[in-house]
Amino acid sequence: MVEVPVKIYLTNLLKKAREAQRPLAVLPTAVKDRALLAMADRLAADEEAILEANLQDVENVGKTLEGETNKDRVKEAVERVRLAPDAVKEMVDRLRKVAELADPVGEVTKRWEQPNGMQVSRVRVPIGVIGVISEYGPTVTTETMALCLKSGNVCVFRAAPEWGRTHQVIVTSLREAAEGAGVPAGALSFVERPDKEAALELMRATKMLDAIIPRGGAGLRKAVMEHSRLPVLCHDGGVCHIYIDEEVDLPMAQNIVINSKLQQPSAPNSADTLLVHQMVARPLLPALIRRLLDEFKVDVLGCPKTYSLMGTMEISGHKSVRPVADDDWGKQFLSKTIAVKMVKDMDEALEHIARYGPGHTDAIVTKNYDHALRFAREVDSSAVLVNASTRLHAGDAFGLGGEAGISTSRLHARGPIGLNELTCQKYVVFGGGQLRHPHPVPVTYEDAIMLKRF
């Protein structure tokens, strides 16, 4: 059997997705909620098949890396693909949680009446057909598809190939359950072709897609920005800073730094740079850095002052701090690496954050309320946190019920892209026969003389 070329395959898929746009946009809330609950029930029923498919993906990854001499790399790659024991339950719970959220479609966000009697409203509507290219696992796939469905958007999803069999089983279950509950065919579309060309064609589908979401690392985000002319809804790029103020609870500061860096080091909202007021550096940094290096094996990069404070003391065979390079301050590490800088005051901290943006997530740890307010007012970031971990910059933590990603863009939306952010707004106007008439144009005396001549 001859395989259909990628471009033709994707064109056919996108045509079907586009045909589903109008019926999905007007689908009643009750039908969407019923579909989400049916999808959750189906995943729960298919748990054994999902886990069996995942085992096949794990075996395939192992076979692919058979010649790899770096055993840690092999183990990391295999464990990345392996679903956790409660992964299916988490997907089921997220589907049910999205079903409980208020439907944003049709919400009137503002209404007013003009002097001529026209009633003007702004109403939330779906964006349309959204392409998603993901490097993440099935949990992200399930949540993103659920959020798109609830917000009335058609979702065309291209997942990471290493979860191929797992995604095939999951998406088939989701699609069949949704369509059985009344969702139009094509509303949940999945790009099954693993070719990189399929991802590139999706990025270039400007006539068939209305927006695109990259869910992955810096390489994927860069590729989307370079190859696509579509609006990018989520861009997780940016550096995450924590500033430790001079007035601070030291145990709280230490706990927030450790959680921000280590709860999930590969997350875009994990801490990249730690800025410490010089007045609290000596009581805070030695103990904190010892924990980071000894307990958690973090690679700590320090400014000259930090390096001098820690000296050349070795902890578990590792030098306490490595000198930081100038270009490290602007890096989103996405790993067990953190850069540390001592600053003389908040002014220097704010200047550093402004210089090395764009801001993804920035936090201050302080007991001074005025300092907290100033930091929140002056830091231009998609989320500013006071006395809380940067890892809490997320849709579920903010009570949004989930997210399709985090945006650092200044257009459309910033922060977690939840249900409301997956909509745009249109104007709806009710009139009673009002007509537009030309405005009288003021004419100067000189203009009047000139008009008489002609």
Protein backbone atom coordinates (compact mmCIF):
# COMPACT_ATOMS: atom_id res chain seq x y z
CA MET A 1 0.00 0.00 0.00
CA VAL A 2 1.44 3.38 -1.05
CA GLU A 3 1.57 5.92 1.79
CA VAL A 4 -0.10 9.25 1.08
CA PRO A 5 2.42 12.14 0.94
CA VAL A 6 2.55 14.15 4.15
CA LYS A 7 1.28 17.36 2.54
CA ILE A 8 -1.78 15.66 1.05
CA TYR A 9 -2.45 13.77 4.29
CA LEU A 10 -2.32 16.96 6.35
CA THR A 11 -4.41 18.95 3.85
CA ASN A 12 -7.19 16.36 4.07
CA LEU A 13 -7.00 16.33 7.87
CA LEU A 14 -7.17 20.12 8.08
CA LYS A 15 -10.10 20.34 5.66
CA LYS A 16 -12.10 18.05 7.90
CA ALA A 17 -11.05 20.06 10.94
CA ARG A 18 -12.11 23.32 9.28
CA GLU A 19 -15.51 21.82 8.41
CA ALA A 20 -16.05 21.11 12.12
CA GLN A 21 -15.38 24.71 13.14
CA ARG A 22 -18.85 26.21 12.68
CA PRO A 23 -20.89 23.39 14.25
CA LEU A 24 -18.48 23.17 17.20
CA ALA A 25 -18.56 26.94 17.81
CA VAL A 26 -22.32 26.85 18.44
CA LEU A 27 -22.42 23.52 20.28
CA PRO A 28 -24.45 23.88 23.51
CA THR A 29 -22.58 23.77 26.80
CA ALA A 30 -24.54 20.71 27.92
CA VAL A 31 -23.33 18.74 24.89
CA LYS A 32 -19.70 19.75 25.44
CA ASP A 33 -19.86 18.82 29.12
CA ARG A 34 -21.53 15.51 28.32
CA ALA A 35 -18.77 14.81 25.80
CA LEU A 36 -16.00 15.61 28.29
CA LEU A 37 -17.51 13.30 30.89
CA ALA A 38 -17.91 10.56 28.27
CA MET A 39 -14.25 11.03 27.31
CA ALA A 40 -13.26 10.67 30.96
CA ASP A 41 -15.30 7.49 31.38
CA ARG A 42 -13.84 6.02 28.21
CA LEU A 43 -10.25 6.67 29.30
CA ALA A 44 -10.95 5.07 32.67
CA ALA A 45 -12.41 2.02 30.92
CA ASP A 46 -9.46 1.82 28.51
CA GLU A 47 -6.75 2.15 31.18
CA GLU A 48 -5.38 -1.35 30.61
CA ALA A 49 -5.10 -0.81 26.84
CA ILE A 50 -3.43 2.58 27.38
CA LEU A 51 -0.81 1.16 29.74
CA GLU A 52 -0.16 -1.78 27.39
CA ALA A 53 0.41 0.63 24.49
CA ASN A 54 2.72 2.65 26.68
CA LEU A 55 4.81 -0.44 27.46
CA GLN A 56 5.29 -0.90 23.71
CA ASP A 57 6.48 2.73 23.42
CA VAL A 58 8.91 2.19 26.30
CA GLU A 59 10.29 -0.93 24.61
CA ASN A 60 10.67 0.94 21.30
CA VAL A 61 12.63 3.73 22.98
CA GLY A 62 14.90 1.15 24.61
CA LYS A 63 15.54 -0.55 21.27
CA THR A 64 16.28 2.76 19.59
CA LEU A 65 18.99 3.49 22.18
CA GLU A 66 20.52 0.01 22.31
CA GLY A 67 23.91 1.26 21.09
CA GLU A 68 23.99 4.22 23.49
CA THR A 69 26.91 3.96 25.95
CA ASN A 70 25.57 6.64 28.31
CA LYS A 71 23.35 4.55 30.59
CA ASP A 72 21.97 7.62 32.38
CA ARG A 73 20.76 9.02 29.07
CA VAL A 74 19.05 5.73 28.21
CA LYS A 75 17.38 5.55 31.62
CA GLU A 76 16.22 9.17 31.39
CA ALA A 77 14.76 8.65 27.89
CA VAL A 78 12.93 5.48 28.92
CA GLU A 79 11.55 6.97 32.12
CA ARG A 80 10.38 10.04 30.24
CA VAL A 81 8.12 7.90 28.06
CA ARG A 82 6.91 5.57 30.81
CA LEU A 83 3.53 6.60 32.21
CA ALA A 84 3.28 6.91 35.97
CA PRO A 85 0.90 4.41 37.68
CA ASP A 86 -1.70 7.11 38.28
CA ALA A 87 -1.29 8.87 34.90
CA VAL A 88 -4.61 7.66 33.47
CA LYS A 89 -6.43 8.68 36.65
CA GLU A 90 -4.88 12.15 36.36
CA MET A 91 -6.07 12.46 32.75
CA VAL A 92 -9.57 11.36 33.79
CA ASP A 93 -9.62 13.88 36.65
CA ARG A 94 -8.51 16.72 34.37
CA LEU A 95 -11.26 15.95 31.85
CA ARG A 96 -13.88 16.01 34.59
CA LYS A 97 -12.48 19.22 36.04
CA VAL A 98 -12.71 20.98 32.66
CA ALA A 99 -16.33 19.78 32.36
CA GLU A 100 -17.09 21.55 35.66
CA LEU A 101 -15.68 24.89 34.49
CA ALA A 102 -17.94 27.68 33.29
CA ASP A 103 -18.28 27.85 29.51
CA PRO A 104 -16.75 31.12 28.28
CA VAL A 105 -18.42 31.00 24.85
CA GLY A 106 -21.24 33.52 24.62
CA GLU A 107 -20.25 35.41 27.77
CA VAL A 108 -21.04 39.12 27.50
CA THR A 109 -18.01 40.89 28.96
CA LYS A 110 -19.32 44.43 28.51
CA ARG A 111 -22.53 46.13 27.42
CA TRP A 112 -23.45 49.80 26.94
CA GLU A 113 -25.95 52.00 25.10
CA GLN A 114 -25.03 54.79 22.70
CA PRO A 115 -26.85 58.19 22.69
CA ASN A 116 -28.62 57.15 19.46
CA GLY A 117 -30.12 54.14 21.20
CA MET A 118 -27.79 51.42 19.83
CA GLN A 119 -27.00 48.68 22.36
CA VAL A 120 -23.38 47.53 22.00
CA SER A 121 -21.99 44.35 23.56
CA ARG A 122 -18.67 42.49 23.60
CA VAL A 123 -19.13 38.71 23.48
CA ARG A 124 -16.64 35.85 23.85
CA VAL A 125 -16.34 33.54 20.83
CA PRO A 126 -13.95 30.68 19.94
CA ILE A 127 -10.72 31.50 18.12
CA GLY A 128 -11.40 28.79 15.51
CA VAL A 129 -9.04 25.99 14.49
CA ILE A 130 -5.96 25.72 16.70
CA GLY A 131 -2.88 23.68 15.83
CA VAL A 132 -0.86 22.24 18.71
CA ILE A 133 2.66 20.83 18.37
CA SER A 134 3.77 19.12 21.56
CA GLU A 135 6.89 17.46 22.91
CA TYR A 136 5.10 16.49 26.11
CA GLY A 137 3.24 13.39 27.17
CA PRO A 138 -0.39 12.23 27.01
CA THR A 139 -1.51 14.22 30.07
CA VAL A 140 -0.79 17.48 28.24
CA THR A 141 -2.51 16.12 25.12
CA THR A 142 -5.66 15.24 27.02
CA GLU A 143 -5.87 18.54 28.90
CA THR A 144 -5.21 20.66 25.81
CA MET A 145 -7.85 18.85 23.77
CA ALA A 146 -10.34 19.20 26.63
CA LEU A 147 -9.74 22.95 26.95
CA CYS A 148 -10.08 23.47 23.20
CA LEU A 149 -13.33 21.51 23.11
CA LYS A 150 -14.86 23.38 26.07
CA SER A 151 -13.90 26.75 24.54
CA GLY A 152 -15.44 25.76 21.18
CA ASN A 153 -12.14 25.47 19.30
CA VAL A 154 -11.21 22.71 16.90
CA CYS A 155 -7.91 21.15 18.01
CA VAL A 156 -5.40 19.69 15.54
CA PHE A 157 -2.78 17.98 17.70
CA ARG A 158 0.67 16.78 16.67
CA ALA A 159 2.33 14.88 19.53
CA ALA A 160 5.87 13.69 20.21
CA PRO A 161 6.54 10.49 18.17
CA GLU A 162 8.00 8.57 21.12
CA TRP A 163 4.52 8.28 22.63
CA GLY A 164 3.10 7.10 19.29
CA ARG A 165 1.19 3.98 20.36
CA THR A 166 0.07 5.51 23.65
CA HIS A 167 -1.35 8.57 21.90
CA GLN A 168 -3.00 6.46 19.24
CA VAL A 169 -5.03 4.54 21.85
CA ILE A 170 -5.82 7.63 23.94
CA VAL A 171 -6.86 9.88 21.05
CA THR A 172 -8.98 7.13 19.48
CA SER A 173 -10.81 6.75 22.81
CA LEU A 174 -11.25 10.51 23.21
CA ARG A 175 -12.45 11.01 19.65
CA GLU A 176 -14.93 8.13 19.66
CA ALA A 177 -16.37 9.15 23.03
CA ALA A 178 -16.69 12.81 21.98
CA GLU A 179 -18.34 12.07 18.64
CA GLY A 180 -20.68 9.60 20.32
CA ALA A 181 -21.81 12.41 22.63
CA GLY A 182 -22.56 14.80 19.77
CA VAL A 183 -19.25 16.54 19.00
CA PRO A 184 -18.79 17.00 15.22
CA ALA A 185 -16.26 14.74 13.48
CA GLY A 186 -12.92 16.48 13.02
CA ALA A 187 -13.23 18.65 16.13
CA LEU A 188 -10.53 16.54 17.81
CA SER A 189 -7.98 15.90 15.07
CA PHE A 190 -4.72 14.08 15.64
CA VAL A 191 -1.71 14.11 13.31
CA GLU A 192 -0.63 10.46 13.32
CA ARG A 193 2.31 10.87 10.98
CA PRO A 194 5.60 10.97 12.96
CA ASP A 195 7.54 12.74 10.18
CA LYS A 196 9.11 16.09 11.08
CA GLU A 197 7.67 17.29 7.78
CA ALA A 198 4.20 16.90 9.28
CA ALA A 199 5.07 19.36 12.04
CA LEU A 200 6.53 21.81 9.53
CA GLU A 201 3.46 21.59 7.30
CA LEU A 202 1.26 22.27 10.32
CA MET A 203 3.31 25.38 11.14
CA ARG A 204 2.81 26.65 7.57
CA ALA A 205 -0.94 25.97 7.35
CA THR A 206 -1.90 29.63 7.49
CA LYS A 207 -5.08 29.18 5.43
CA MET A 208 -6.43 26.31 7.51
CA LEU A 209 -5.41 27.24 11.07
CA ASP A 210 -6.23 30.36 13.06
CA ALA A 211 -3.50 30.01 15.69
CA ILE A 212 -0.77 27.65 16.83
CA ILE A 213 0.48 26.51 20.24
CA PRO A 214 3.99 25.06 20.74
CA ARG A 215 4.23 22.88 23.87
CA GLY A 216 7.90 22.09 24.39
CA GLY A 217 11.43 23.36 24.73
CA ALA A 218 13.32 26.29 23.26
CA GLY A 219 14.10 24.41 20.03
CA LEU A 220 10.42 23.82 19.24
CA ARG A 221 9.45 27.38 20.12
CA LYS A 222 12.22 28.74 17.90
CA ALA A 223 11.14 26.52 15.00
CA VAL A 224 7.53 27.70 15.29
CA MET A 225 8.55 31.35 15.41
CA GLU A 226 10.79 30.91 12.34
CA HIS A 227 8.53 28.75 10.15
CA SER A 228 5.03 29.90 11.04
CA ARG A 229 3.18 33.12 10.25
CA LEU A 230 0.28 32.09 12.47
CA PRO A 231 -0.46 33.85 15.76
CA VAL A 232 1.41 31.95 18.51
CA LEU A 233 -0.83 31.67 21.58
CA CYS A 234 1.70 30.26 24.05
CA HIS A 235 5.36 31.10 24.20
CA ASP A 236 7.00 29.73 27.35
CA GLY A 237 10.33 31.45 26.68
CA GLY A 238 11.81 33.77 29.27
CA VAL A 239 13.92 33.78 32.41
CA CYS A 240 12.46 33.14 35.88
CA HIS A 241 13.95 35.17 38.73
CA ILE A 242 13.65 35.03 42.50
CA TYR A 243 14.71 38.10 44.48
CA ILE A 244 15.47 37.61 48.19
CA ASP A 245 14.89 40.93 49.93
CA GLU A 246 16.89 42.26 52.89
CA GLU A 247 13.86 41.84 55.16
CA VAL A 248 13.06 38.15 54.82
CA ASP A 249 12.12 34.98 56.63
CA LEU A 250 15.22 32.87 55.89
CA PRO A 251 13.61 29.40 56.18
CA MET A 252 10.77 30.54 53.89
CA ALA A 253 13.25 31.92 51.38
CA GLN A 254 15.22 28.68 51.33
CA ASN A 255 12.09 26.56 50.86
CA ILE A 256 10.77 28.76 48.05
CA VAL A 257 14.08 28.66 46.17
CA ILE A 258 14.37 24.87 46.47
CA ASN A 259 10.79 24.26 45.37
CA SER A 260 11.04 26.77 42.51
CA LYS A 261 14.17 25.10 41.17
CA LEU A 262 13.61 21.43 41.94
CA GLN A 263 9.91 20.60 41.98
CA GLN A 264 10.28 20.09 38.22
CA PRO A 265 13.61 21.47 36.91
CA SER A 266 12.64 21.05 33.24
CA ALA A 267 9.50 23.22 33.58
CA PRO A 268 9.53 26.69 31.96
CA ASN A 269 8.52 28.25 35.30
CA SER A 270 11.36 26.70 37.30
CA ALA A 271 13.77 29.27 38.74
CA ASP A 272 16.75 30.24 36.56
CA THR A 273 18.32 33.14 38.45
CA LEU A 274 18.49 33.85 42.19
CA LEU A 275 19.11 37.47 43.21
CA VAL A 276 20.06 37.93 46.88
CA HIS A 277 20.32 41.20 48.78
CA GLN A 278 23.88 41.46 50.09
CA MET A 279 22.62 42.09 53.66
CA VAL A 280 21.20 38.54 53.87
CA ALA A 281 23.71 36.75 51.64
CA ARG A 282 25.94 35.50 54.46
CA PRO A 283 23.18 34.04 56.66
CA LEU A 284 21.29 32.58 53.65
CA LEU A 285 23.58 31.48 50.82
CA PRO A 286 26.09 29.06 52.44
CA ALA A 287 23.38 26.83 53.90
CA LEU A 288 21.17 27.10 50.80
CA ILE A 289 23.98 26.34 48.35
CA ARG A 290 25.14 23.37 50.44
CA ARG A 291 21.64 21.92 50.20
CA LEU A 292 21.41 22.58 46.46
CA LEU A 293 24.75 20.88 45.79
CA ASP A 294 24.81 18.12 48.37
CA GLU A 295 21.17 17.03 48.55
CA PHE A 296 19.93 17.88 45.06
CA LYS A 297 23.07 17.87 42.85
CA VAL A 298 22.28 21.27 41.36
CA ASP A 299 24.89 23.03 39.23
CA VAL A 300 25.28 26.41 40.93
CA LEU A 301 26.76 29.29 38.93
CA GLY A 302 27.77 32.31 40.98
CA CYS A 303 28.73 35.93 40.49
CA PRO A 304 32.20 36.96 41.79
CA LYS A 305 30.77 37.96 45.19
CA THR A 306 28.92 34.66 45.56
CA TYR A 307 31.98 32.71 44.46
CA SER A 308 34.12 34.60 46.95
CA LEU A 309 31.64 34.01 49.77
CA MET A 310 31.57 30.26 49.21
CA GLY A 311 35.32 29.99 48.53
CA THR A 312 36.71 26.81 47.03
CA MET A 313 35.13 24.48 49.58
CA GLU A 314 34.11 21.15 48.10
CA ILE A 315 30.85 19.44 48.95
CA SER A 316 30.49 15.76 48.09
CA GLY A 317 33.37 16.13 45.64
CA HIS A 318 31.85 19.15 43.87
CA LYS A 319 33.18 22.70 44.09
CA SER A 320 30.62 24.85 45.86
CA VAL A 321 30.10 27.34 43.04
CA ARG A 322 31.28 27.67 39.44
CA PRO A 323 31.90 31.16 38.04
CA VAL A 324 28.97 32.42 36.02
CA ALA A 325 29.43 33.53 32.40
CA ASP A 326 27.86 36.77 31.16
CA ASP A 327 25.44 34.96 28.84
CA ASP A 328 24.21 32.68 31.66
CA TRP A 329 22.07 35.48 33.13
CA GLY A 330 19.73 35.42 30.14
CA LYS A 331 19.34 31.63 29.96
CA GLN A 332 16.24 29.60 30.60
CA PHE A 333 18.09 26.52 31.87
CA LEU A 334 15.23 23.96 32.02
CA SER A 335 17.56 21.75 34.06
CA LYS A 336 19.24 21.45 37.46
CA THR A 337 21.22 24.65 36.96
CA ILE A 338 20.76 27.98 38.72
CA ALA A 339 22.68 31.27 38.52
CA VAL A 340 23.16 33.25 41.75
CA LYS A 341 23.91 36.96 42.05
CA MET A 342 24.37 39.19 45.10
CA VAL A 343 22.82 42.65 44.64
CA LYS A 344 23.30 45.76 46.76
CA ASP A 345 19.61 46.73 46.81
CA MET A 346 16.23 46.28 45.13
CA ASP A 347 17.10 48.84 42.47
CA GLU A 348 19.89 46.60 41.21
CA ALA A 349 17.61 43.56 41.33
CA LEU A 350 14.90 45.32 39.31
CA GLU A 351 17.45 46.56 36.79
CA HIS A 352 18.82 43.03 36.36
CA ILE A 353 15.33 41.55 35.84
CA ALA A 354 14.45 44.25 33.29
CA ARG A 355 17.70 43.70 31.41
CA TYR A 356 17.46 39.94 31.11
CA GLY A 357 13.76 39.57 30.27
CA PRO A 358 11.35 38.90 28.67
CA GLY A 359 9.76 37.98 31.97
CA HIS A 360 8.20 34.57 32.33
CA THR A 361 7.80 34.33 36.10
CA ASP A 362 9.39 36.54 38.75
CA ALA A 363 9.08 36.27 42.52
CA ILE A 364 10.09 38.27 45.58
CA VAL A 365 10.54 36.85 49.06
CA THR A 366 10.14 39.62 51.66
CA LYS A 367 8.51 40.64 54.92
CA ASN A 368 8.26 44.26 53.79
CA TYR A 369 4.83 45.02 52.31
CA ASP A 370 6.00 48.20 50.54
CA HIS A 371 8.87 46.32 48.90
CA ALA A 372 6.44 43.64 47.74
CA LEU A 373 4.10 46.23 46.20
CA ARG A 374 6.97 48.01 44.45
CA PHE A 375 8.29 44.74 43.01
CA ALA A 376 4.82 43.75 41.78
CA ARG A 377 4.30 47.18 40.20
CA GLU A 378 7.68 47.53 38.48
CA VAL A 379 8.44 44.01 37.26
CA ASP A 380 7.01 43.51 33.76
CA SER A 381 6.42 39.78 33.71
CA SER A 382 3.57 37.46 32.76
CA ALA A 383 3.27 36.60 36.47
CA VAL A 384 4.72 38.20 39.59
CA LEU A 385 4.57 36.24 42.85
CA VAL A 386 5.13 37.44 46.39
CA ASN A 387 6.37 34.86 48.91
CA ALA A 388 5.43 31.93 46.70
CA SER A 389 7.20 29.43 44.43
CA THR A 390 7.57 30.28 40.74
CA ARG A 391 6.22 26.77 40.03
CA LEU A 392 2.79 28.03 41.09
CA HIS A 393 2.51 30.06 37.88
CA ALA A 394 0.09 27.60 36.29
CA GLY A 395 -3.55 27.40 35.29
CA ASP A 396 -4.53 24.84 37.90
CA ALA A 397 -2.70 26.69 40.71
CA PHE A 398 -4.44 29.94 39.74
CA GLY A 399 -7.86 28.28 39.78
CA LEU A 400 -8.29 28.34 36.01
CA GLY A 401 -8.86 24.58 35.86
CA GLY A 402 -5.92 23.94 33.53
CA GLU A 403 -3.94 25.57 30.76
CA ALA A 404 -2.87 25.08 27.17
CA GLY A 405 0.48 26.70 27.99
CA ILE A 406 1.87 29.96 29.36
CA SER A 407 2.27 33.07 27.26
CA THR A 408 4.96 35.70 27.73
CA SER A 409 3.63 37.67 24.77
CA ARG A 410 2.20 41.13 25.28
CA LEU A 411 -0.50 40.50 22.68
CA HIS A 412 -3.83 38.74 23.23
CA ALA A 413 -3.02 37.27 26.64
CA ARG A 414 -0.20 36.86 29.17
CA GLY A 415 0.27 34.10 31.69
CA PRO A 416 -1.65 30.80 31.72
CA ILE A 417 -3.76 30.24 28.59
CA GLY A 418 -6.98 28.88 30.08
CA LEU A 419 -10.52 28.76 28.76
CA ASN A 420 -11.05 32.53 28.57
CA GLU A 421 -7.70 33.01 26.82
CA LEU A 422 -8.72 30.44 24.20
CA THR A 423 -11.46 32.82 23.09
CA CYS A 424 -11.47 36.20 21.41
CA GLN A 425 -14.23 38.81 21.48
CA LYS A 426 -16.60 40.20 18.90
CA TYR A 427 -19.02 43.12 19.02
CA VAL A 428 -22.76 42.49 18.84
CA VAL A 429 -24.92 45.56 18.20
CA PHE A 430 -28.71 45.89 18.47
CA GLY A 431 -30.28 48.88 16.78
CA GLY A 432 -33.67 50.24 15.82
CA GLY A 433 -33.07 51.57 12.34
CA GLN A 434 -30.13 53.88 13.10
CA LEU A 435 -28.22 55.14 10.04
CA ARG A 436 -24.72 56.57 9.63
CA HIS A 437 -24.67 60.17 8.40
CA PRO A 438 -21.65 62.20 7.27
CA HIS A 439 -20.13 64.39 9.95
CA PRO A 440 -20.15 68.13 8.99
CA VAL A 441 -16.58 69.11 8.05
CA PRO A 442 -15.47 72.40 9.60
CA VAL A 443 -14.53 74.88 6.86
CA THR A 444 -12.21 77.81 7.52
CA TYR A 445 -12.76 81.25 5.96
CA GLU A 446 -9.81 80.69 3.58
CA ASP A 447 -11.25 77.33 2.48
CA ALA A 448 -14.62 78.93 1.76
CA ILE A 449 -13.01 81.59 -0.50
CA MET A 450 -11.13 78.87 -2.40
CA LEU A 451 -14.31 76.80 -2.89
CA LYS A 452 -16.16 79.81 -4.34
CA ARG A 453 -13.46 80.22 -6.98
CA PHE A 454 -14.12 76.69 -8.30
